[in-house]
Amino acid sequence: MTERVHNFSAGPCTLPLSVLEEGQAEFVDYHGAGMSLIEMSHRGKHFVAVHEEAIDLVRTVYGVPDEFDVLFLQGGATLQFAMVPMNLLKSGERGAYVNSGTWAKGAIADAQHYGDVYTAWDGTDCNFTRMPNTGEIEIQSGTRYLHLTSNETIGGIRFGDWPKVDVPLVGDMSSDYMSRPVPWDRFDLVYGGAQKNLGPAGMALVIIRKTVARENNQNIGRYLRYDIQADKDSMFNTPPVFPIYMLGKVLKWMRDQGGVEAMERQAEDKAGILYRAIDDSGGYYRCPVDVDSRSVMNVVFRLPSEDLEKTFLSGADAAGLLNLKGHRSVGGIRASIYNAMPKEGVQALASFMSDFQGAHPA
């Protein structure tokens, strides 16, 4: 096998090597069936067992209480931008949104088509360099929920502390899913795309309070109704078979690593290595994010000039440190260090940063 690189892609992203190898070994002939799992009926015994185990693993690894349903839905997190207001907002109710950056803007834009929504806090004035404190979030009367994006992948900011407000929370946790525990008593619904911390692209993991799923708006298409998806155990139609299969393997890997608590410790440790490299560079590397809002999944920084950034990226590619270019909307450098990124990869990047600064003084 060609030597594996350190993949800092924001998504789809690196997955545990042991998981990939296990999937490779089973791909053509699944458990002696003479065919691949992705060729089998989703109603057959092999996939039903995979599906049920994946649901159990979500509950075990993430500590999901019994009063929540676990759903595997197609469409990624972006479809949830619409499904949330479609299902949760009834006549006379309003949805509050924290505008924390690119993905929050997308959620707000889609929600406006399906209900009465408003911005409870807007990060435009600070150029989305931080998350709000609870006291800055303004909840209006008639509000059904507060929607937040727990981690903005592009801007490199996250909620360090969960907001404490008088309405239930709805969280898009796509880019820090299962990197830290969730206070389930504050949430009615949590969702996210699988392609950051949980597996390959093609699926959203939705965790919804059972009473909320069944009190929803029913005047919408069947696939888009949380109650139908919950009552059918996400088997209303053919589910995203391969992402569910790989999700189960990733969750087993996380469980064996020590669970979400271990992921949180490792994330803080890995991010700390990069932020120290930035902060100790004497201003050569600059992180535009407020210290208290720094993401531990997506570390963003700039160099003294765009020309140096281009040289940095070229050299990093040559050193096997790939996909470090910042999002096209903001530029700069972005290192996505999700759960499966080994500490060695982060250490290699920090070492490259030090060597690059020495070779290319500003």
Protein backbone atom coordinates (compact mmCIF):
# COMPACT_ATOMS: atom_id res chain seq x y z
CA MET A 1 0.00 0.00 0.00
CA THR A 2 1.16 3.53 -0.75
CA GLU A 3 2.22 5.26 2.45
CA ARG A 4 -0.78 7.09 3.93
CA VAL A 5 -0.57 10.85 4.18
CA HIS A 6 -1.81 13.07 6.99
CA ASN A 7 -5.19 14.20 5.67
CA PHE A 8 -6.40 17.49 7.21
CA SER A 9 -9.47 17.74 4.97
CA ALA A 10 -12.54 19.42 6.45
CA GLY A 11 -14.81 16.70 5.10
CA PRO A 12 -15.03 14.08 3.85
CA CYS A 13 -12.07 13.50 6.06
CA THR A 14 -9.69 11.01 7.54
CA LEU A 15 -11.11 7.86 9.12
CA PRO A 16 -9.39 5.37 11.45
CA LEU A 17 -7.07 3.16 9.44
CA SER A 18 -8.17 0.05 11.32
CA VAL A 19 -11.79 0.78 10.36
CA LEU A 20 -10.89 1.18 6.70
CA GLU A 21 -8.92 -2.06 6.72
CA GLU A 22 -11.75 -3.95 8.39
CA GLY A 23 -14.20 -2.63 5.80
CA GLN A 24 -11.78 -3.56 3.03
CA ALA A 25 -11.51 -7.14 4.29
CA GLU A 26 -15.31 -7.54 4.36
CA PHE A 27 -16.23 -5.57 1.28
CA VAL A 28 -16.40 -8.28 -1.40
CA ASP A 29 -17.62 -11.16 0.78
CA TYR A 30 -19.50 -10.08 3.90
CA HIS A 31 -19.30 -12.75 6.62
CA GLY A 32 -19.22 -15.61 4.13
CA ALA A 33 -22.42 -14.55 2.34
CA GLY A 34 -20.75 -14.58 -1.07
CA MET A 35 -21.67 -10.95 -1.71
CA SER A 36 -20.96 -7.49 -0.38
CA LEU A 37 -23.17 -5.93 2.28
CA ILE A 38 -24.02 -3.13 -0.14
CA GLU A 39 -25.47 -5.71 -2.56
CA MET A 40 -27.83 -7.22 0.02
CA SER A 41 -31.41 -6.37 0.83
CA HIS A 42 -31.68 -3.78 3.57
CA ARG A 43 -34.45 -5.99 5.00
CA GLY A 44 -32.19 -9.04 5.18
CA LYS A 45 -30.73 -10.45 8.38
CA HIS A 46 -27.19 -9.21 7.73
CA PHE A 47 -28.01 -5.54 7.30
CA VAL A 48 -30.75 -5.50 9.93
CA ALA A 49 -28.13 -6.69 12.43
CA VAL A 50 -25.71 -3.97 11.29
CA HIS A 51 -28.44 -1.33 11.51
CA GLU A 52 -29.60 -2.30 14.99
CA GLU A 53 -26.04 -2.51 16.30
CA ALA A 54 -25.24 0.96 14.94
CA ILE A 55 -28.24 2.42 16.78
CA ASP A 56 -27.15 0.72 20.01
CA LEU A 57 -23.62 2.02 19.57
CA VAL A 58 -24.85 5.61 19.08
CA ARG A 59 -26.71 5.33 22.38
CA THR A 60 -23.80 3.71 24.20
CA VAL A 61 -20.98 5.91 22.93
CA TYR A 62 -22.87 9.22 23.06
CA GLY A 63 -24.85 8.51 26.21
CA VAL A 64 -28.18 9.07 24.47
CA PRO A 65 -31.10 8.78 26.92
CA ASP A 66 -34.02 6.44 26.26
CA GLU A 67 -36.37 9.37 25.64
CA PHE A 68 -34.60 10.11 22.32
CA ASP A 69 -34.89 8.38 18.94
CA VAL A 70 -31.79 7.74 16.81
CA LEU A 71 -32.36 8.29 13.09
CA PHE A 72 -30.15 7.63 10.07
CA LEU A 73 -31.35 9.94 7.28
CA GLN A 74 -30.13 10.74 3.80
CA GLY A 75 -29.42 14.29 2.66
CA GLY A 76 -26.72 15.20 5.15
CA ALA A 77 -27.03 18.11 7.56
CA THR A 78 -28.21 20.43 4.80
CA LEU A 79 -31.55 18.64 4.46
CA GLN A 80 -31.99 19.11 8.21
CA PHE A 81 -31.86 22.88 7.71
CA ALA A 82 -35.32 22.46 6.20
CA MET A 83 -36.61 19.44 8.11
CA VAL A 84 -36.17 21.10 11.51
CA PRO A 85 -38.51 24.06 10.89
CA MET A 86 -40.83 21.93 8.73
CA ASN A 87 -41.44 19.58 11.63
CA LEU A 88 -41.02 21.68 14.76
CA LEU A 89 -42.64 25.02 13.95
CA LYS A 90 -46.41 25.20 14.31
CA SER A 91 -48.66 28.19 13.74
CA GLY A 92 -47.79 31.00 16.13
CA GLU A 93 -44.39 29.58 17.01
CA ARG A 94 -41.01 31.04 16.13
CA GLY A 95 -37.55 29.63 15.61
CA ALA A 96 -34.54 31.48 17.06
CA TYR A 97 -31.16 31.12 15.35
CA VAL A 98 -27.61 32.00 16.32
CA ASN A 99 -25.89 33.42 13.23
CA SER A 100 -22.36 32.22 13.87
CA GLY A 101 -21.08 31.95 10.31
CA THR A 102 -21.44 30.13 7.01
CA TRP A 103 -23.37 27.05 8.14
CA ALA A 104 -25.64 28.97 10.48
CA LYS A 105 -26.48 31.31 7.61
CA GLY A 106 -27.47 28.29 5.53
CA ALA A 107 -29.75 27.00 8.26
CA ILE A 108 -31.38 30.42 8.64
CA ALA A 109 -31.89 30.87 4.90
CA ASP A 110 -33.62 27.51 4.52
CA ALA A 111 -35.70 27.87 7.68
CA GLN A 112 -37.16 31.13 6.42
CA HIS A 113 -39.03 29.16 3.74
CA TYR A 114 -40.89 27.06 6.30
CA GLY A 115 -41.65 29.18 9.33
CA ASP A 116 -41.30 32.37 11.32
CA VAL A 117 -37.64 32.60 12.29
CA TYR A 118 -35.39 35.33 13.61
CA THR A 119 -31.74 35.88 14.53
CA ALA A 120 -31.20 35.75 18.29
CA TRP A 121 -27.54 36.73 17.98
CA ASP A 122 -25.57 37.90 14.95
CA GLY A 123 -21.82 37.52 14.64
CA THR A 124 -21.53 39.78 11.59
CA ASP A 125 -20.16 42.75 13.54
CA CYS A 126 -17.27 40.69 14.95
CA ASN A 127 -16.68 39.04 11.56
CA PHE A 128 -17.67 35.69 13.05
CA THR A 129 -14.54 35.44 15.16
CA ARG A 130 -16.35 34.27 18.28
CA MET A 131 -19.48 32.63 19.65
CA PRO A 132 -21.93 34.50 21.90
CA ASN A 133 -22.25 34.29 25.65
CA THR A 134 -25.65 33.20 26.91
CA GLY A 135 -26.45 36.75 28.02
CA GLU A 136 -26.05 38.04 24.47
CA ILE A 137 -28.68 35.68 23.02
CA GLU A 138 -32.04 37.45 22.82
CA ILE A 139 -35.01 35.09 22.94
CA GLN A 140 -38.34 36.55 21.86
CA SER A 141 -41.82 35.52 22.95
CA GLY A 142 -43.40 32.57 21.17
CA THR A 143 -40.02 30.93 20.50
CA ARG A 144 -40.18 27.15 20.04
CA TYR A 145 -36.43 26.46 19.94
CA LEU A 146 -32.97 28.01 19.68
CA HIS A 147 -30.90 26.62 16.80
CA LEU A 148 -27.14 26.72 17.12
CA THR A 149 -24.20 25.50 15.08
CA SER A 150 -21.92 24.03 17.72
CA ASN A 151 -18.79 24.33 15.59
CA GLU A 152 -18.35 26.46 12.47
CA THR A 153 -16.09 24.42 10.20
CA ILE A 154 -15.04 27.34 8.01
CA GLY A 155 -14.53 30.03 10.64
CA GLY A 156 -12.88 27.74 13.18
CA ILE A 157 -15.10 28.79 16.10
CA ARG A 158 -17.18 26.73 18.52
CA PHE A 159 -19.43 27.02 21.54
CA GLY A 160 -17.14 26.35 24.49
CA ASP A 161 -20.14 26.35 26.83
CA TRP A 162 -23.65 25.35 25.83
CA PRO A 163 -26.15 28.23 26.06
CA LYS A 164 -28.56 28.21 28.99
CA VAL A 165 -31.83 29.68 27.70
CA ASP A 166 -35.50 29.18 28.50
CA VAL A 167 -36.30 27.27 25.30
CA PRO A 168 -35.07 23.88 24.03
CA LEU A 169 -31.92 23.77 21.94
CA VAL A 170 -31.55 22.34 18.43
CA GLY A 171 -27.94 21.71 17.46
CA ASP A 172 -26.15 21.26 14.16
CA MET A 173 -23.10 19.36 15.40
CA SER A 174 -21.77 18.22 12.05
CA SER A 175 -18.14 19.12 12.59
CA ASP A 176 -17.74 18.27 16.26
CA TYR A 177 -20.17 15.36 16.58
CA MET A 178 -19.13 13.02 19.40
CA SER A 179 -16.04 15.03 20.25
CA ARG A 180 -17.52 15.96 23.66
CA PRO A 181 -20.54 15.06 25.80
CA VAL A 182 -23.94 16.70 25.27
CA PRO A 183 -26.25 17.94 28.05
CA TRP A 184 -29.28 16.09 26.75
CA ASP A 185 -31.69 17.78 29.14
CA ARG A 186 -31.21 21.06 27.23
CA PHE A 187 -31.75 19.65 23.74
CA ASP A 188 -34.81 18.59 21.78
CA LEU A 189 -32.86 17.66 18.65
CA VAL A 190 -29.24 17.14 17.61
CA TYR A 191 -28.15 16.50 14.03
CA GLY A 192 -25.09 16.43 11.85
CA GLY A 193 -23.55 15.07 8.69
CA ALA A 194 -21.55 11.87 9.15
CA GLN A 195 -18.55 12.89 7.07
CA LYS A 196 -16.49 14.61 9.77
CA ASN A 197 -16.21 12.39 12.83
CA LEU A 198 -18.53 9.47 12.14
CA GLY A 199 -17.97 7.94 8.71
CA PRO A 200 -18.29 8.53 4.96
CA ALA A 201 -20.54 11.13 3.39
CA GLY A 202 -24.14 10.40 2.52
CA MET A 203 -26.01 10.44 5.81
CA ALA A 204 -27.16 12.63 8.68
CA LEU A 205 -27.37 11.28 12.21
CA VAL A 206 -30.44 12.81 13.88
CA ILE A 207 -31.14 12.37 17.58
CA ILE A 208 -34.58 13.68 18.52
CA ARG A 209 -36.66 13.65 21.67
CA LYS A 210 -39.44 11.09 21.17
CA THR A 211 -42.24 13.42 22.21
CA VAL A 212 -40.94 16.08 19.80
CA ALA A 213 -40.78 13.64 16.90
CA ARG A 214 -44.42 12.72 17.36
CA GLU A 215 -45.82 16.20 17.94
CA ASN A 216 -44.59 17.49 14.61
CA ASN A 217 -46.27 19.04 11.62
CA GLN A 218 -47.79 16.21 9.56
CA ASN A 219 -48.68 18.25 6.50
CA ILE A 220 -45.40 17.50 4.74
CA GLY A 221 -43.99 14.71 2.58
CA ARG A 222 -43.63 11.39 4.36
CA TYR A 223 -39.86 11.10 4.13
CA LEU A 224 -39.52 14.53 5.73
CA ARG A 225 -41.56 13.64 8.82
CA TYR A 226 -39.57 12.75 11.91
CA ASP A 227 -42.45 10.72 13.36
CA ILE A 228 -42.58 8.40 10.37
CA GLN A 229 -38.81 7.98 10.31
CA ALA A 230 -38.80 7.24 14.05
CA ASP A 231 -41.70 4.78 13.91
CA LYS A 232 -40.00 2.96 11.01
CA ASP A 233 -36.55 2.93 12.68
CA SER A 234 -35.13 4.88 9.71
CA MET A 235 -36.28 2.06 7.41
CA PHE A 236 -39.16 3.94 5.79
CA ASN A 237 -37.26 3.53 2.52
CA THR A 238 -33.88 2.07 1.60
CA PRO A 239 -31.50 3.62 4.13
CA PRO A 240 -27.93 4.78 3.42
CA VAL A 241 -26.51 1.28 3.84
CA PHE A 242 -22.79 1.88 3.44
CA PRO A 243 -22.57 4.97 5.72
CA ILE A 244 -24.50 3.12 8.45
CA TYR A 245 -22.18 0.12 8.12
CA MET A 246 -19.08 2.29 8.42
CA LEU A 247 -20.59 4.39 11.21
CA GLY A 248 -20.95 1.26 13.30
CA LYS A 249 -17.29 0.44 12.83
CA VAL A 250 -16.18 3.98 13.69
CA LEU A 251 -18.31 3.91 16.83
CA LYS A 252 -16.75 0.62 17.91
CA TRP A 253 -13.34 2.22 17.42
CA MET A 254 -14.41 5.21 19.52
CA ARG A 255 -15.81 2.94 22.23
CA ASP A 256 -12.55 0.99 22.37
CA GLN A 257 -10.58 4.26 22.58
CA GLY A 258 -12.51 5.23 25.70
CA GLY A 259 -15.63 6.83 24.28
CA VAL A 260 -16.60 10.46 23.92
CA GLU A 261 -14.73 11.46 27.06
CA ALA A 262 -11.50 10.13 25.54
CA MET A 263 -12.26 11.88 22.25
CA GLU A 264 -12.67 15.16 24.14
CA ARG A 265 -9.34 14.78 25.95
CA GLN A 266 -7.54 13.86 22.74
CA ALA A 267 -9.13 16.77 20.85
CA GLU A 268 -8.01 19.28 23.47
CA ASP A 269 -4.52 17.79 23.43
CA LYS A 270 -4.18 17.84 19.63
CA ALA A 271 -5.61 21.33 19.27
CA GLY A 272 -3.34 22.57 22.04
CA ILE A 273 -0.28 21.48 20.05
CA LEU A 274 -1.31 23.60 17.07
CA TYR A 275 -2.47 26.63 19.04
CA ARG A 276 0.84 26.66 20.94
CA ALA A 277 2.67 26.54 17.61
CA ILE A 278 0.63 29.56 16.51
CA ASP A 279 0.84 31.54 19.74
CA ASP A 280 4.57 30.90 20.23
CA SER A 281 5.48 32.04 16.70
CA GLY A 282 5.86 35.69 17.64
CA GLY A 283 3.01 36.72 15.34
CA TYR A 284 4.26 34.85 12.29
CA TYR A 285 1.19 32.64 12.48
CA ARG A 286 -2.04 34.40 13.46
CA CYS A 287 -5.31 32.83 14.50
CA PRO A 288 -8.18 35.28 13.89
CA VAL A 289 -10.48 33.57 16.40
CA ASP A 290 -11.21 34.81 19.92
CA VAL A 291 -9.31 32.54 22.32
CA ASP A 292 -12.43 31.43 24.20
CA SER A 293 -14.16 30.39 20.96
CA ARG A 294 -11.31 28.51 19.30
CA SER A 295 -12.40 25.26 17.69
CA VAL A 296 -10.62 22.06 18.63
CA MET A 297 -11.73 20.43 15.38
CA ASN A 298 -10.86 23.11 12.79
CA VAL A 299 -7.78 25.19 13.55
CA VAL A 300 -7.54 28.22 11.26
CA PHE A 301 -4.58 30.57 10.90
CA ARG A 302 -2.87 33.03 8.57
CA LEU A 303 0.73 33.72 7.59
CA PRO A 304 2.31 37.16 7.02
CA SER A 305 1.29 37.19 3.34
CA GLU A 306 -0.78 35.25 0.84
CA ASP A 307 2.37 34.46 -1.12
CA LEU A 308 3.86 32.79 1.96
CA GLU A 309 0.62 30.89 2.43
CA LYS A 310 0.87 29.51 -1.10
CA THR A 311 4.47 28.46 -0.45
CA PHE A 312 3.43 26.93 2.88
CA LEU A 313 0.70 24.87 1.25
CA SER A 314 3.00 23.66 -1.52
CA GLY A 315 5.63 22.59 0.99
CA ALA A 316 3.06 20.92 3.22
CA ASP A 317 1.75 18.88 0.30
CA ALA A 318 5.26 17.73 -0.49
CA ALA A 319 5.70 16.71 3.15
CA GLY A 320 2.53 14.60 3.09
CA LEU A 321 0.42 17.13 5.01
CA LEU A 322 -2.57 17.46 2.72
CA ASN A 323 -5.75 19.53 2.41
CA LEU A 324 -4.64 22.44 4.58
CA LYS A 325 -5.95 25.21 2.34
CA GLY A 326 -8.57 27.36 4.04
CA HIS A 327 -12.07 27.57 2.64
CA ARG A 328 -12.28 29.65 -0.50
CA SER A 329 -14.53 32.18 1.24
CA VAL A 330 -11.94 33.09 3.88
CA GLY A 331 -8.55 31.88 2.61
CA GLY A 332 -5.63 31.15 4.87
CA ILE A 333 -4.81 27.77 6.38
CA ARG A 334 -7.20 25.32 8.03
CA ALA A 335 -6.18 22.13 9.79
CA SER A 336 -9.15 19.87 10.46
CA ILE A 337 -8.15 17.51 13.24
CA TYR A 338 -11.20 15.33 13.79
CA ASN A 339 -11.36 12.34 16.11
CA ALA A 340 -9.54 9.99 13.73
CA MET A 341 -6.60 12.34 13.10
CA PRO A 342 -3.69 10.75 14.96
CA LYS A 343 -1.66 12.88 17.31
CA GLU A 344 1.38 12.11 15.18
CA GLY A 345 -0.20 13.97 12.27
CA VAL A 346 -0.71 17.07 14.39
CA GLN A 347 2.84 16.87 15.71
CA ALA A 348 4.14 16.56 12.15
CA LEU A 349 2.24 19.71 11.17
CA ALA A 350 3.51 21.66 14.17
CA SER A 351 7.07 20.62 13.34
CA PHE A 352 6.59 21.67 9.72
CA MET A 353 5.26 25.04 10.87
CA SER A 354 8.36 25.64 12.97
CA ASP A 355 10.71 24.61 10.17
CA PHE A 356 8.83 26.72 7.63
CA GLN A 357 9.05 29.83 9.77
CA GLY A 358 12.78 29.37 10.15
CA ALA A 359 13.25 28.95 6.40
CA HIS A 360 10.92 31.74 5.34
CA PRO A 361 11.23 34.70 7.70
CA ALA A 362 8.70 37.50 7.21
